[in-house]
């Protein structure tokens, strides 16, 4: 699940940069249909982020008065800070070469769909008063412009993010095709689990990768290495291919089951709102299970 990292991938990065405005618009369109269903939990309490000014109440300590604000008129005001029980959600889209694949059966490539879902999630979380951030780019923040911020960060991503920034009760949403060697994938997932975070995996595949509709002589090319493999009669290897895909998915499901995580399967010929709604529901349930998700800087 690596991200853009080499000079040979510069054309792909430029393609993503040119497409980013339209992807952001698409993400906003999707979130507009479901935003009313999820509300954040912002309230006054211990924390560091400013929330609001309120009138000073008789009996309170004078140390609580914000004298600068109070000097603006004839009333005394207290500066309240936000109670830091907002969700802390990290987002980690796979931007590697294999994600740029799109077949004739889909109108969008896997990478673009992963980016759209990432931006839509960021927008949805921000509008609900939750903290959202791109893994590897500093702590998640509460900001109405979280989607724009993450869009810029995606374009500057140069290395695979590590799990070092994760804290207990943090949520992490990983969007990718999960077609790397399983040992590599499982090692990363174990690192996430060791940090005490909870992950939601979204496997994004092109429909042709699921159905393998090839017949006769077929040339298969690895989009990352350029390796080519010619199959004499593709229909003869279809069952073997689908068995290997099912085994890989079974290992992912078992890992998620063991760790108490979730796994979604999404095809790019399906509407993006489907996995977004499913993730929204799962994150909402997690919020109720852990009403205080820890302090976020």
Protein backbone atom coordinates (compact mmCIF):
# COMPACT_ATOMS: atom_id res chain seq x y z
CA UNK A 1 0.00 0.00 0.00
CA UNK A 2 2.73 2.54 -0.87
CA UNK A 3 2.05 6.07 -1.98
CA UNK A 4 3.55 8.19 -4.79
CA UNK A 5 7.28 7.96 -4.20
CA UNK A 6 9.42 7.95 -7.35
CA UNK A 7 10.17 10.26 -10.24
CA UNK A 8 8.73 7.71 -12.66
CA UNK A 9 5.35 8.32 -11.07
CA UNK A 10 5.43 12.08 -11.70
CA UNK A 11 3.00 11.91 -14.66
CA UNK A 12 0.49 10.11 -12.45
CA UNK A 13 0.94 12.74 -9.75
CA UNK A 14 0.31 15.50 -12.30
CA UNK A 15 -2.80 13.71 -13.51
CA UNK A 16 -4.06 13.56 -9.94
CA UNK A 17 -3.32 17.26 -9.41
CA UNK A 18 -5.28 18.25 -12.50
CA UNK A 19 -8.21 16.07 -11.45
CA UNK A 20 -8.27 17.20 -7.80
CA UNK A 21 -10.73 20.13 -8.21
CA UNK A 22 -13.35 17.92 -9.83
CA UNK A 23 -12.74 15.17 -7.28
CA UNK A 24 -13.32 17.67 -4.48
CA UNK A 25 -16.58 18.81 -6.09
CA UNK A 26 -17.69 15.20 -6.42
CA UNK A 27 -16.86 14.54 -2.77
CA UNK A 28 -18.91 17.56 -1.66
CA UNK A 29 -21.84 16.42 -3.78
CA UNK A 30 -21.82 13.02 -2.10
CA UNK A 31 -21.60 14.32 1.46
CA UNK A 32 -24.43 16.79 0.85
CA UNK A 33 -26.86 13.87 0.65
CA UNK A 34 -26.09 12.46 4.11
CA UNK A 35 -24.63 15.27 6.21
CA UNK A 36 -27.79 15.77 8.29
CA UNK A 37 -27.48 12.28 9.76
CA UNK A 38 -24.40 12.73 11.89
CA UNK A 39 -23.79 15.38 14.52
CA UNK A 40 -20.60 15.97 16.43
CA UNK A 41 -20.26 16.13 20.19
CA UNK A 42 -18.63 19.52 20.68
CA UNK A 43 -19.36 21.08 24.06
CA UNK A 44 -17.66 23.17 26.75
CA UNK A 45 -15.13 21.41 28.96
CA UNK A 46 -11.42 20.67 29.46
CA UNK A 47 -9.31 21.10 26.37
CA UNK A 48 -7.09 23.50 24.46
CA UNK A 49 -9.14 24.70 21.49
CA UNK A 50 -11.23 27.87 21.87
CA UNK A 51 -14.97 27.27 21.63
CA UNK A 52 -16.87 30.40 22.71
CA UNK A 53 -17.15 33.36 25.09
CA UNK A 54 -19.91 33.34 27.71
CA UNK A 55 -20.91 35.82 30.45
CA UNK A 56 -19.06 35.54 33.76
CA UNK A 57 -21.29 34.03 36.46
CA UNK A 58 -21.35 35.23 40.08
CA UNK A 59 -19.31 32.93 42.33
CA UNK A 60 -16.83 31.87 39.64
CA UNK A 61 -13.11 32.48 40.08
CA UNK A 62 -11.86 35.81 38.72
CA UNK A 63 -9.02 33.87 37.11
CA UNK A 64 -11.53 32.56 34.57
CA UNK A 65 -12.28 36.04 33.20
CA UNK A 66 -10.95 36.91 29.75
CA UNK A 67 -9.98 40.51 30.39
CA UNK A 68 -9.18 41.34 26.78
CA UNK A 69 -12.67 40.35 25.61
CA UNK A 70 -14.29 41.93 28.68
CA UNK A 71 -12.57 45.25 27.96
CA UNK A 72 -14.55 45.60 24.73
CA UNK A 73 -17.80 46.45 26.60
CA UNK A 74 -19.24 46.69 30.11
CA UNK A 75 -19.60 42.94 30.73
CA UNK A 76 -17.28 40.24 32.02
CA UNK A 77 -16.69 37.18 29.82
CA UNK A 78 -15.19 33.75 30.28
CA UNK A 79 -13.30 32.06 27.45
CA UNK A 80 -14.57 28.50 27.17
CA UNK A 81 -12.51 25.77 25.62
CA UNK A 82 -13.84 22.85 23.68
CA UNK A 83 -14.42 19.55 25.47
CA UNK A 84 -12.12 17.25 23.54
CA UNK A 85 -14.42 14.30 22.98
CA UNK A 86 -14.52 14.77 19.23
CA UNK A 87 -13.77 11.74 17.14
CA UNK A 88 -10.19 11.46 15.94
CA UNK A 89 -10.23 9.91 12.48
CA UNK A 90 -7.22 9.36 10.25
CA UNK A 91 -7.56 8.80 6.51
CA UNK A 92 -5.07 6.82 4.44
CA UNK A 93 -5.77 6.42 0.70
CA UNK A 94 -3.50 4.23 -1.39
CA UNK A 95 -2.06 6.32 -4.24
CA UNK A 96 0.25 3.68 -5.68
CA UNK A 97 0.54 2.78 -9.35
CA UNK A 98 -1.88 -0.14 -9.19
CA UNK A 99 -4.60 2.22 -8.00
CA UNK A 100 -4.43 4.17 -11.28
CA UNK A 101 -5.96 1.19 -13.10
CA UNK A 102 -9.30 1.56 -14.88
CA UNK A 103 -10.86 -0.93 -17.25
CA UNK A 104 -13.56 -0.48 -19.86
CA UNK A 105 -16.09 -1.65 -17.26
CA UNK A 106 -15.69 1.42 -15.04
CA UNK A 107 -15.91 5.18 -15.54
CA UNK A 108 -13.34 5.97 -12.83
CA UNK A 109 -10.00 4.54 -11.78
CA UNK A 110 -9.42 3.10 -8.32
CA UNK A 111 -7.16 5.93 -7.17
CA UNK A 112 -9.68 8.63 -8.07
CA UNK A 113 -12.40 6.74 -6.21
CA UNK A 114 -10.15 6.40 -3.15
CA UNK A 115 -9.45 10.14 -3.23
CA UNK A 116 -13.14 11.02 -3.64
CA UNK A 117 -14.04 8.84 -0.66
CA UNK A 118 -11.19 10.33 1.39
CA UNK A 119 -12.29 13.90 0.69
CA UNK A 120 -15.96 13.06 1.23
CA UNK A 121 -15.13 11.48 4.58
CA UNK A 122 -13.07 14.51 5.57
CA UNK A 123 -15.93 16.83 4.67
CA UNK A 124 -18.47 14.67 6.46
CA UNK A 125 -16.36 14.44 9.61
CA UNK A 126 -15.61 18.16 9.66
CA UNK A 127 -19.24 19.14 9.23
CA UNK A 128 -20.13 16.80 12.08
CA UNK A 129 -17.64 18.45 14.42
CA UNK A 130 -15.09 15.62 14.27
CA UNK A 131 -11.34 15.66 13.82
CA UNK A 132 -10.07 14.44 10.44
CA UNK A 133 -6.55 14.21 9.11
CA UNK A 134 -4.39 12.53 6.50
CA UNK A 135 -2.07 9.96 8.06
CA UNK A 136 1.50 11.22 7.90
CA UNK A 137 0.60 14.93 7.85
CA UNK A 138 0.26 15.95 11.48
CA UNK A 139 -2.58 15.52 13.94
CA UNK A 140 -6.20 15.62 12.72
CA UNK A 141 -7.90 18.97 13.22
CA UNK A 142 -11.38 20.38 13.59
CA UNK A 143 -11.84 22.54 10.52
CA UNK A 144 -14.62 23.26 8.06
CA UNK A 145 -11.93 23.26 5.38
CA UNK A 146 -10.61 19.80 6.26
CA UNK A 147 -11.35 18.45 2.77
CA UNK A 148 -9.39 21.24 1.06
CA UNK A 149 -6.51 20.79 3.51
CA UNK A 150 -6.37 17.04 2.90
CA UNK A 151 -6.62 17.53 -0.87
CA UNK A 152 -3.44 19.62 -0.76
CA UNK A 153 -1.72 17.11 1.51
CA UNK A 154 -2.57 14.23 -0.83
CA UNK A 155 -0.75 16.01 -3.64
CA UNK A 156 2.36 16.38 -1.49
CA UNK A 157 2.42 12.79 -0.23
CA UNK A 158 5.77 11.18 -1.04
CA UNK A 159 6.16 8.23 1.33
CA UNK A 160 4.01 5.53 2.84
CA UNK A 161 2.64 6.83 6.17
CA UNK A 162 3.55 4.96 9.34
CA UNK A 163 1.37 4.18 12.34
CA UNK A 164 3.56 6.22 14.72
CA UNK A 165 1.05 9.07 14.97
CA UNK A 166 -1.83 6.82 15.97
CA UNK A 167 -3.08 6.80 19.55
CA UNK A 168 -5.42 4.59 21.48
CA UNK A 169 -9.06 4.87 20.36
CA UNK A 170 -8.09 6.70 17.16
CA UNK A 171 -9.91 5.55 14.05
CA UNK A 172 -8.08 4.87 10.79
CA UNK A 173 -9.74 4.38 7.42
CA UNK A 174 -7.51 2.70 4.83
CA UNK A 175 -8.68 2.81 1.23
CA UNK A 176 -6.83 0.72 -1.33
CA UNK A 177 -6.87 -2.41 -3.43
CA UNK A 178 -4.87 -4.46 -0.88
CA UNK A 179 -3.06 -6.30 -3.68
CA UNK A 180 0.40 -6.00 -2.15
CA UNK A 181 2.01 -9.16 -0.72
CA UNK A 182 -0.13 -10.30 2.20
CA UNK A 183 2.85 -10.42 4.57
CA UNK A 184 3.47 -6.71 3.90
CA UNK A 185 -0.18 -5.85 4.42
CA UNK A 186 -0.51 -7.87 7.62
CA UNK A 187 2.67 -6.35 9.08
CA UNK A 188 1.24 -2.87 8.59
CA UNK A 189 -2.10 -3.85 10.11
CA UNK A 190 -0.37 -5.36 13.15
CA UNK A 191 1.50 -2.09 13.64
CA UNK A 192 -1.80 -0.21 13.64
CA UNK A 193 -3.28 -2.63 16.16
CA UNK A 194 -0.22 -2.28 18.40
CA UNK A 195 -0.85 1.49 18.57
CA UNK A 196 -4.32 0.81 20.00
CA UNK A 197 -6.15 2.30 17.02
CA UNK A 198 -9.15 0.82 15.27
CA UNK A 199 -9.09 0.46 11.49
CA UNK A 200 -11.72 0.25 8.81
CA UNK A 201 -10.47 -1.27 5.55
CA UNK A 202 -12.07 -0.43 2.21
CA UNK A 203 -10.89 -2.67 -0.60
CA UNK A 204 -11.45 -0.83 -3.89
CA UNK A 205 -11.31 -2.97 -7.02
CA UNK A 206 -12.11 -2.44 -10.67
CA UNK A 207 -14.93 -4.74 -11.81
CA UNK A 208 -12.60 -6.48 -14.22
CA UNK A 209 -10.38 -7.46 -11.29
CA UNK A 210 -13.32 -9.18 -9.67
CA UNK A 211 -14.88 -10.88 -12.67
CA UNK A 212 -11.79 -11.73 -14.79
CA UNK A 213 -13.87 -11.80 -18.00
CA UNK A 214 -10.96 -12.63 -20.33
CA UNK A 215 -10.93 -15.38 -22.93
CA UNK A 216 -8.29 -16.63 -25.33
CA UNK A 217 -4.77 -15.22 -25.52
CA UNK A 218 -4.48 -12.38 -22.99
CA UNK A 219 -1.59 -10.18 -21.96
CA UNK A 220 -1.59 -9.09 -18.31
CA UNK A 221 0.60 -6.16 -17.19
CA UNK A 222 1.64 -5.12 -13.69
CA UNK A 223 0.97 -1.34 -13.58
CA UNK A 224 3.73 -0.75 -11.01
CA UNK A 225 6.62 -2.86 -12.33
CA UNK A 226 5.64 -3.12 -15.99
CA UNK A 227 6.02 -6.91 -15.85
CA UNK A 228 4.01 -8.62 -18.59
CA UNK A 229 2.56 -12.10 -18.52
CA UNK A 230 0.85 -13.74 -21.47
CA UNK A 231 -1.87 -16.31 -20.83
CA UNK A 232 -2.66 -18.64 -23.72
CA UNK A 233 -6.27 -19.34 -22.75
CA UNK A 234 -7.38 -16.94 -20.03
CA UNK A 235 -10.64 -18.75 -19.35
CA UNK A 236 -8.65 -21.70 -18.00
CA UNK A 237 -7.05 -19.65 -15.22
CA UNK A 238 -10.19 -17.78 -14.18
CA UNK A 239 -11.17 -20.20 -11.41
CA UNK A 240 -7.64 -20.21 -10.02
CA UNK A 241 -7.48 -16.42 -10.09
CA UNK A 242 -10.81 -16.05 -8.28
CA UNK A 243 -9.75 -18.66 -5.71
CA UNK A 244 -6.60 -16.67 -4.93
CA UNK A 245 -8.62 -13.45 -4.69
CA UNK A 246 -11.07 -15.12 -2.31
CA UNK A 247 -8.22 -16.47 -0.17
CA UNK A 248 -6.65 -13.01 0.07
CA UNK A 249 -9.97 -11.48 1.05
CA UNK A 250 -10.53 -14.26 3.56
CA UNK A 251 -7.23 -13.42 5.27
CA UNK A 252 -8.20 -9.76 5.41
CA UNK A 253 -11.58 -10.63 6.89
CA UNK A 254 -10.00 -12.90 9.48
CA UNK A 255 -7.51 -10.21 10.51
CA UNK A 256 -10.31 -7.66 10.85
CA UNK A 257 -12.47 -10.12 12.81
CA UNK A 258 -9.62 -10.91 15.21
CA UNK A 259 -8.84 -7.23 15.82
CA UNK A 260 -12.46 -6.06 15.98
CA UNK A 261 -12.09 -4.03 12.80
CA UNK A 262 -14.27 -3.83 9.69
CA UNK A 263 -13.77 -4.60 6.02
CA UNK A 264 -15.78 -3.20 3.11
CA UNK A 265 -15.56 -4.35 -0.49
CA UNK A 266 -16.23 -1.70 -3.12
CA UNK A 267 -16.20 -1.87 -6.92
CA UNK A 268 -15.61 1.27 -8.93
CA UNK A 269 -18.66 0.61 -11.11
CA UNK A 270 -20.83 1.10 -8.01
CA UNK A 271 -21.85 4.52 -6.55
CA UNK A 272 -19.33 6.05 -4.16
CA UNK A 273 -22.08 6.84 -1.68
CA UNK A 274 -22.46 3.14 -0.82
CA UNK A 275 -19.16 2.70 1.08
CA UNK A 276 -19.45 6.24 2.46
CA UNK A 277 -22.79 5.43 4.08
CA UNK A 278 -21.46 2.15 5.45
CA UNK A 279 -18.41 3.89 6.95
CA UNK A 280 -20.60 6.65 8.36
CA UNK A 281 -22.76 4.07 10.13
CA UNK A 282 -19.79 2.17 11.53
CA UNK A 283 -18.06 5.29 12.80
CA UNK A 284 -21.30 6.46 14.40
CA UNK A 285 -21.64 3.16 16.26
CA UNK A 286 -18.04 3.43 17.40
CA UNK A 287 -18.76 6.94 18.76
CA UNK A 288 -21.47 5.55 21.02
CA UNK A 289 -19.22 2.73 22.19
CA UNK A 290 -16.41 5.16 23.10
CA UNK A 291 -17.96 8.56 23.97
CA UNK A 292 -14.54 9.95 24.90
CA UNK A 293 -11.93 9.18 22.26
CA UNK A 294 -8.97 10.83 23.93
CA UNK A 295 -7.18 14.14 23.62
CA UNK A 296 -6.16 15.37 20.19
CA UNK A 297 -3.60 18.09 19.82
